Amino acid sequence: MCAKTVVKGALLGGITLFVVMMISWMALPFHMQSFHKLPNPEASVTAIQSMATEGSGVYIAPCSEDHPELASRLPFVFMSFNAKGAMQRNMAQYMMIEFAMDVVMAGLLTILLLGLKPGSPKAVAGYGLAIGAMLAIAELVPQWNWWYFPLEFLWPTALDLIIGFAIAALVVGKFVVCSYLKNQPKTV
């Protein structure tokens, strides 16, 4: 397996994943519709900040280990709290981190596809769908099961992963894997 081939697949697939995710988040309404806003943000954040005694981190209430009697009768809260504020970086930095993550994932996808040696575009898309579905299940089902994340929040991300990896697999398959495999000597 040639490093140039993996880098080419990582870049092409990474660009593809990045574009799919940006379209999903910026052009389609599904992600933003799943967020609910607290009224009076300043008072809400001030109240939360006064109770977030450990500083930045993930908080839950009620904690079933500490207060099992409350866990069955009170609403459950799972919250990410950043004491420094929401925008620690400028938008370009957030985008660069997202793109770097997409490139790494596409590089791993390229390595998998090269190892699997798919024989057709349908097989490539199938592998992409399977990988996207596996990632969605591994990441999102535990959020629903353990932390009660609502399905309206999770399903757009599941579709992003499944569709994004299927499309990225097709791009990587067509422009990288197929040409690489064609140039390999046939083994008996």
C-alpha atoms as a PDB file:
ATOM      1  CA  MET A   1       0.000   0.000   0.000  1.00  0.00           C
ATOM      2  CA  CYS A   2       1.488   3.307  -1.099  1.00  0.00           C
ATOM      3  CA  ALA A   3       1.478   6.294   1.286  1.00  0.00           C
ATOM      4  CA  LYS A   4       0.706   8.625  -1.650  1.00  0.00           C
ATOM      5  CA  THR A   5      -2.454   6.652  -2.351  1.00  0.00           C
ATOM      6  CA  VAL A   6      -3.612   6.913   1.273  1.00  0.00           C
ATOM      7  CA  VAL A   7      -2.854  10.655   1.369  1.00  0.00           C
ATOM      8  CA  LYS A   8      -4.764  11.194  -1.896  1.00  0.00           C
ATOM      9  CA  GLY A   9      -7.737   9.231  -0.520  1.00  0.00           C
ATOM     10  CA  ALA A  10      -7.555  11.089   2.792  1.00  0.00           C
ATOM     11  CA  LEU A  11      -7.660  14.473   1.075  1.00  0.00           C
ATOM     12  CA  LEU A  12     -10.374  13.629  -1.480  1.00  0.00           C
ATOM     13  CA  GLY A  13     -12.506  11.792   1.078  1.00  0.00           C
ATOM     14  CA  GLY A  14     -11.863  14.471   3.715  1.00  0.00           C
ATOM     15  CA  ILE A  15     -13.025  17.222   1.390  1.00  0.00           C
ATOM     16  CA  THR A  16     -16.099  15.149   0.544  1.00  0.00           C
ATOM     17  CA  LEU A  17     -16.978  14.502   4.196  1.00  0.00           C
ATOM     18  CA  PHE A  18     -16.401  18.166   5.067  1.00  0.00           C
ATOM     19  CA  VAL A  19     -18.704  19.363   2.261  1.00  0.00           C
ATOM     20  CA  VAL A  20     -21.449  16.860   3.158  1.00  0.00           C
ATOM     21  CA  MET A  21     -21.324  17.900   6.843  1.00  0.00           C
ATOM     22  CA  MET A  22     -21.301  21.620   6.020  1.00  0.00           C
ATOM     23  CA  ILE A  23     -24.302  21.255   3.711  1.00  0.00           C
ATOM     24  CA  SER A  24     -26.122  19.295   6.396  1.00  0.00           C
ATOM     25  CA  TRP A  25     -25.416  21.842   9.141  1.00  0.00           C
ATOM     26  CA  MET A  26     -25.604  25.074   7.151  1.00  0.00           C
ATOM     27  CA  ALA A  27     -28.173  24.473   4.419  1.00  0.00           C
ATOM     28  CA  LEU A  28     -30.575  21.984   5.975  1.00  0.00           C
ATOM     29  CA  PRO A  29     -32.698  22.820   9.024  1.00  0.00           C
ATOM     30  CA  PHE A  30     -32.592  19.481  10.862  1.00  0.00           C
ATOM     31  CA  HIS A  31     -29.664  20.035  13.234  1.00  0.00           C
ATOM     32  CA  MET A  32     -30.680  23.481  14.414  1.00  0.00           C
ATOM     33  CA  GLN A  33     -34.322  22.453  14.842  1.00  0.00           C
ATOM     34  CA  SER A  34     -33.213  19.935  17.463  1.00  0.00           C
ATOM     35  CA  PHE A  35     -31.713  22.591  19.748  1.00  0.00           C
ATOM     36  CA  HIS A  36     -33.982  24.170  22.335  1.00  0.00           C
ATOM     37  CA  LYS A  37     -33.049  27.536  23.816  1.00  0.00           C
ATOM     38  CA  LEU A  38     -33.414  28.431  27.469  1.00  0.00           C
ATOM     39  CA  PRO A  39     -35.371  31.652  28.040  1.00  0.00           C
ATOM     40  CA  ASN A  40     -33.476  34.607  29.432  1.00  0.00           C
ATOM     41  CA  PRO A  41     -29.980  33.302  28.578  1.00  0.00           C
ATOM     42  CA  GLU A  42     -28.122  35.562  31.010  1.00  0.00           C
ATOM     43  CA  ALA A  43     -30.197  34.480  34.035  1.00  0.00           C
ATOM     44  CA  SER A  44     -30.123  30.825  32.926  1.00  0.00           C
ATOM     45  CA  VAL A  45     -26.340  30.781  32.514  1.00  0.00           C
ATOM     46  CA  THR A  46     -25.798  32.672  35.769  1.00  0.00           C
ATOM     47  CA  ALA A  47     -27.926  30.121  37.651  1.00  0.00           C
ATOM     48  CA  ILE A  48     -26.084  27.209  36.039  1.00  0.00           C
ATOM     49  CA  GLN A  49     -22.701  28.825  36.672  1.00  0.00           C
ATOM     50  CA  SER A  50     -23.490  29.228  40.376  1.00  0.00           C
ATOM     51  CA  MET A  51     -24.133  25.471  40.600  1.00  0.00           C
ATOM     52  CA  ALA A  52     -21.215  24.336  38.395  1.00  0.00           C
ATOM     53  CA  THR A  53     -18.832  24.281  41.344  1.00  0.00           C
ATOM     54  CA  GLU A  54     -16.196  22.159  39.598  1.00  0.00           C
ATOM     55  CA  GLY A  55     -15.745  24.650  36.725  1.00  0.00           C
ATOM     56  CA  SER A  56     -15.835  23.532  33.088  1.00  0.00           C
ATOM     57  CA  GLY A  57     -16.968  19.981  32.458  1.00  0.00           C
ATOM     58  CA  VAL A  58     -19.919  17.658  31.996  1.00  0.00           C
ATOM     59  CA  TYR A  59     -22.624  17.779  34.661  1.00  0.00           C
ATOM     60  CA  ILE A  60     -25.604  15.553  35.372  1.00  0.00           C
ATOM     61  CA  ALA A  61     -28.516  16.036  37.729  1.00  0.00           C
ATOM     62  CA  PRO A  62     -29.800  14.234  39.566  1.00  0.00           C
ATOM     63  CA  CYS A  63     -26.952  11.761  39.908  1.00  0.00           C
ATOM     64  CA  SER A  64     -28.561   8.357  40.440  1.00  0.00           C
ATOM     65  CA  GLU A  65     -25.581   7.199  42.526  1.00  0.00           C
ATOM     66  CA  ASP A  66     -25.841  10.117  44.958  1.00  0.00           C
ATOM     67  CA  HIS A  67     -29.619  10.580  44.946  1.00  0.00           C
ATOM     68  CA  PRO A  68     -31.395   7.420  43.735  1.00  0.00           C
ATOM     69  CA  GLU A  69     -34.676   8.613  45.249  1.00  0.00           C
ATOM     70  CA  LEU A  70     -34.589  11.774  43.093  1.00  0.00           C
ATOM     71  CA  ALA A  71     -33.540  10.038  39.882  1.00  0.00           C
ATOM     72  CA  SER A  72     -36.908   8.374  39.440  1.00  0.00           C
ATOM     73  CA  ARG A  73     -39.040  11.484  39.979  1.00  0.00           C
ATOM     74  CA  LEU A  74     -37.067  14.510  38.702  1.00  0.00           C
ATOM     75  CA  PRO A  75     -36.194  15.451  35.135  1.00  0.00           C
ATOM     76  CA  PHE A  76     -32.709  14.411  34.039  1.00  0.00           C
ATOM     77  CA  VAL A  77     -30.100  16.985  32.957  1.00  0.00           C
ATOM     78  CA  PHE A  78     -26.943  16.157  31.007  1.00  0.00           C
ATOM     79  CA  MET A  79     -24.990  19.320  30.317  1.00  0.00           C
ATOM     80  CA  SER A  80     -21.665  20.393  28.888  1.00  0.00           C
ATOM     81  CA  PHE A  81     -20.485  23.525  30.684  1.00  0.00           C
ATOM     82  CA  ASN A  82     -17.599  25.738  29.538  1.00  0.00           C
ATOM     83  CA  ALA A  83     -16.814  28.451  32.064  1.00  0.00           C
ATOM     84  CA  LYS A  84     -14.740  30.362  29.504  1.00  0.00           C
ATOM     85  CA  GLY A  85     -17.620  30.880  27.062  1.00  0.00           C
ATOM     86  CA  ALA A  86     -18.756  29.345  23.809  1.00  0.00           C
ATOM     87  CA  MET A  87     -16.372  30.835  21.273  1.00  0.00           C
ATOM     88  CA  GLN A  88     -12.865  29.927  22.446  1.00  0.00           C
ATOM     89  CA  ARG A  89     -11.608  29.950  18.859  1.00  0.00           C
ATOM     90  CA  ASN A  90     -12.624  31.851  15.780  1.00  0.00           C
ATOM     91  CA  MET A  91     -14.828  30.039  13.243  1.00  0.00           C
ATOM     92  CA  ALA A  92     -11.877  29.338  10.920  1.00  0.00           C
ATOM     93  CA  GLN A  93     -10.145  27.393  13.717  1.00  0.00           C
ATOM     94  CA  TYR A  94     -13.269  25.314  14.390  1.00  0.00           C
ATOM     95  CA  MET A  95     -13.537  24.580  10.649  1.00  0.00           C
ATOM     96  CA  MET A  96      -9.846  23.594  10.419  1.00  0.00           C
ATOM     97  CA  ILE A  97     -10.258  21.126  13.303  1.00  0.00           C
ATOM     98  CA  GLU A  98     -13.368  19.667  11.643  1.00  0.00           C
ATOM     99  CA  PHE A  99     -11.567  19.371   8.300  1.00  0.00           C
ATOM    100  CA  ALA A 100      -8.526  17.712   9.916  1.00  0.00           C
ATOM    101  CA  MET A 101     -10.818  15.168  11.594  1.00  0.00           C
ATOM    102  CA  ASP A 102     -12.563  14.481   8.258  1.00  0.00           C
ATOM    103  CA  VAL A 103      -9.195  13.949   6.535  1.00  0.00           C
ATOM    104  CA  VAL A 104      -8.067  11.493   9.229  1.00  0.00           C
ATOM    105  CA  MET A 105     -11.357   9.561   8.986  1.00  0.00           C
ATOM    106  CA  ALA A 106     -11.129   9.495   5.176  1.00  0.00           C
ATOM    107  CA  GLY A 107      -7.547   8.244   5.418  1.00  0.00           C
ATOM    108  CA  LEU A 108      -8.722   5.359   7.593  1.00  0.00           C
ATOM    109  CA  LEU A 109     -11.583   4.745   5.142  1.00  0.00           C
ATOM    110  CA  THR A 110      -9.031   4.619   2.292  1.00  0.00           C
ATOM    111  CA  ILE A 111      -6.905   2.066   4.152  1.00  0.00           C
ATOM    112  CA  LEU A 112      -9.986  -0.085   4.788  1.00  0.00           C
ATOM    113  CA  LEU A 113     -11.118   0.087   1.163  1.00  0.00           C
ATOM    114  CA  LEU A 114      -7.649  -0.760  -0.119  1.00  0.00           C
ATOM    115  CA  GLY A 115      -7.571  -3.782   2.181  1.00  0.00           C
ATOM    116  CA  LEU A 116     -11.081  -4.907   1.261  1.00  0.00           C
ATOM    117  CA  LYS A 117     -10.432  -4.547  -2.505  1.00  0.00           C
ATOM    118  CA  PRO A 118     -14.053  -3.868  -3.495  1.00  0.00           C
ATOM    119  CA  GLY A 119     -14.945  -5.109  -6.949  1.00  0.00           C
ATOM    120  CA  SER A 120     -17.638  -2.585  -7.891  1.00  0.00           C
ATOM    121  CA  PRO A 121     -18.963   0.890  -7.072  1.00  0.00           C
ATOM    122  CA  LYS A 122     -21.931  -0.816  -5.389  1.00  0.00           C
ATOM    123  CA  ALA A 123     -19.539  -2.697  -3.065  1.00  0.00           C
ATOM    124  CA  VAL A 124     -17.645   0.544  -2.325  1.00  0.00           C
ATOM    125  CA  ALA A 125     -20.892   2.353  -1.448  1.00  0.00           C
ATOM    126  CA  GLY A 126     -21.982  -0.618   0.651  1.00  0.00           C
ATOM    127  CA  TYR A 127     -18.767  -0.509   2.648  1.00  0.00           C
ATOM    128  CA  GLY A 128     -19.189   3.254   3.121  1.00  0.00           C
ATOM    129  CA  LEU A 129     -22.775   2.790   4.303  1.00  0.00           C
ATOM    130  CA  ALA A 130     -21.728   0.032   6.695  1.00  0.00           C
ATOM    131  CA  ILE A 131     -18.871   2.087   8.146  1.00  0.00           C
ATOM    132  CA  GLY A 132     -21.110   5.163   8.524  1.00  0.00           C
ATOM    133  CA  ALA A 133     -23.825   3.074  10.179  1.00  0.00           C
ATOM    134  CA  MET A 134     -21.301   1.444  12.513  1.00  0.00           C
ATOM    135  CA  LEU A 135     -19.972   4.861  13.567  1.00  0.00           C
ATOM    136  CA  ALA A 136     -23.506   6.197  14.066  1.00  0.00           C
ATOM    137  CA  ILE A 137     -24.529   3.225  16.192  1.00  0.00           C
ATOM    138  CA  ALA A 138     -21.324   3.254  18.256  1.00  0.00           C
ATOM    139  CA  GLU A 139     -21.540   6.982  18.965  1.00  0.00           C
ATOM    140  CA  LEU A 140     -25.231   7.809  19.057  1.00  0.00           C
ATOM    141  CA  VAL A 141     -27.024   4.813  20.567  1.00  0.00           C
ATOM    142  CA  PRO A 142     -25.092   5.164  23.858  1.00  0.00           C
ATOM    143  CA  GLN A 143     -26.031   8.863  23.952  1.00  0.00           C
ATOM    144  CA  TRP A 144     -29.689   7.898  23.645  1.00  0.00           C
ATOM    145  CA  ASN A 145     -29.501   4.884  25.940  1.00  0.00           C
ATOM    146  CA  TRP A 146     -27.394   6.234  28.825  1.00  0.00           C
ATOM    147  CA  TRP A 147     -27.834  10.006  28.642  1.00  0.00           C
ATOM    148  CA  TYR A 148     -31.354  10.297  27.181  1.00  0.00           C
ATOM    149  CA  PHE A 149     -30.360  12.380  24.184  1.00  0.00           C
ATOM    150  CA  PRO A 150     -33.557  12.795  22.140  1.00  0.00           C
ATOM    151  CA  LEU A 151     -33.855  11.085  18.777  1.00  0.00           C
ATOM    152  CA  GLU A 152     -34.643  14.432  17.136  1.00  0.00           C
ATOM    153  CA  PHE A 153     -31.084  15.471  18.058  1.00  0.00           C
ATOM    154  CA  LEU A 154     -29.448  12.167  17.071  1.00  0.00           C
ATOM    155  CA  TRP A 155     -31.032  11.194  13.747  1.00  0.00           C
ATOM    156  CA  PRO A 156     -29.552  14.078  11.687  1.00  0.00           C
ATOM    157  CA  THR A 157     -26.064  13.137  12.869  1.00  0.00           C
ATOM    158  CA  ALA A 158     -26.726   9.465  12.104  1.00  0.00           C
ATOM    159  CA  LEU A 159     -27.755  10.404   8.563  1.00  0.00           C
ATOM    160  CA  ASP A 160     -24.698  12.664   8.211  1.00  0.00           C
ATOM    161  CA  LEU A 161     -22.415   9.757   9.076  1.00  0.00           C
ATOM    162  CA  ILE A 162     -24.180   7.151   6.952  1.00  0.00           C
ATOM    163  CA  ILE A 163     -24.658   9.334   3.857  1.00  0.00           C
ATOM    164  CA  GLY A 164     -21.331  11.137   4.289  1.00  0.00           C
ATOM    165  CA  PHE A 165     -19.324   7.922   4.463  1.00  0.00           C
ATOM    166  CA  ALA A 166     -21.210   6.361   1.536  1.00  0.00           C
ATOM    167  CA  ILE A 167     -20.453   9.398  -0.660  1.00  0.00           C
ATOM    168  CA  ALA A 168     -16.859   9.652   0.581  1.00  0.00           C
ATOM    169  CA  ALA A 169     -16.368   5.930  -0.107  1.00  0.00           C
ATOM    170  CA  LEU A 170     -17.653   6.397  -3.665  1.00  0.00           C
ATOM    171  CA  VAL A 171     -15.266   9.321  -4.256  1.00  0.00           C
ATOM    172  CA  VAL A 172     -12.291   7.524  -2.706  1.00  0.00           C
ATOM    173  CA  GLY A 173     -13.241   4.320  -4.498  1.00  0.00           C
ATOM    174  CA  LYS A 174     -13.527   5.945  -7.911  1.00  0.00           C
ATOM    175  CA  PHE A 175     -10.519   8.238  -7.832  1.00  0.00           C
ATOM    176  CA  VAL A 176      -8.121   6.353  -5.584  1.00  0.00           C
ATOM    177  CA  VAL A 177      -8.864   2.717  -4.804  1.00  0.00           C
ATOM    178  CA  CYS A 178      -9.966   1.542  -8.263  1.00  0.00           C
ATOM    179  CA  SER A 179      -7.005   3.146 -10.053  1.00  0.00           C
ATOM    180  CA  TYR A 180      -4.590   1.800  -7.419  1.00  0.00           C
ATOM    181  CA  LEU A 181      -5.981  -1.731  -7.621  1.00  0.00           C
ATOM    182  CA  LYS A 182      -5.927  -1.690 -11.470  1.00  0.00           C
ATOM    183  CA  ASN A 183      -2.199  -0.946 -11.414  1.00  0.00           C
ATOM    184  CA  GLN A 184      -1.371  -3.784  -9.030  1.00  0.00           C
ATOM    185  CA  PRO A 185       0.063  -7.007 -10.434  1.00  0.00           C
ATOM    186  CA  LYS A 186      -2.426  -9.859 -10.558  1.00  0.00           C
ATOM    187  CA  THR A 187      -1.717 -12.688  -8.151  1.00  0.00           C
ATOM    188  CA  VAL A 188      -2.476 -16.268  -8.973  1.00  0.00           C
END
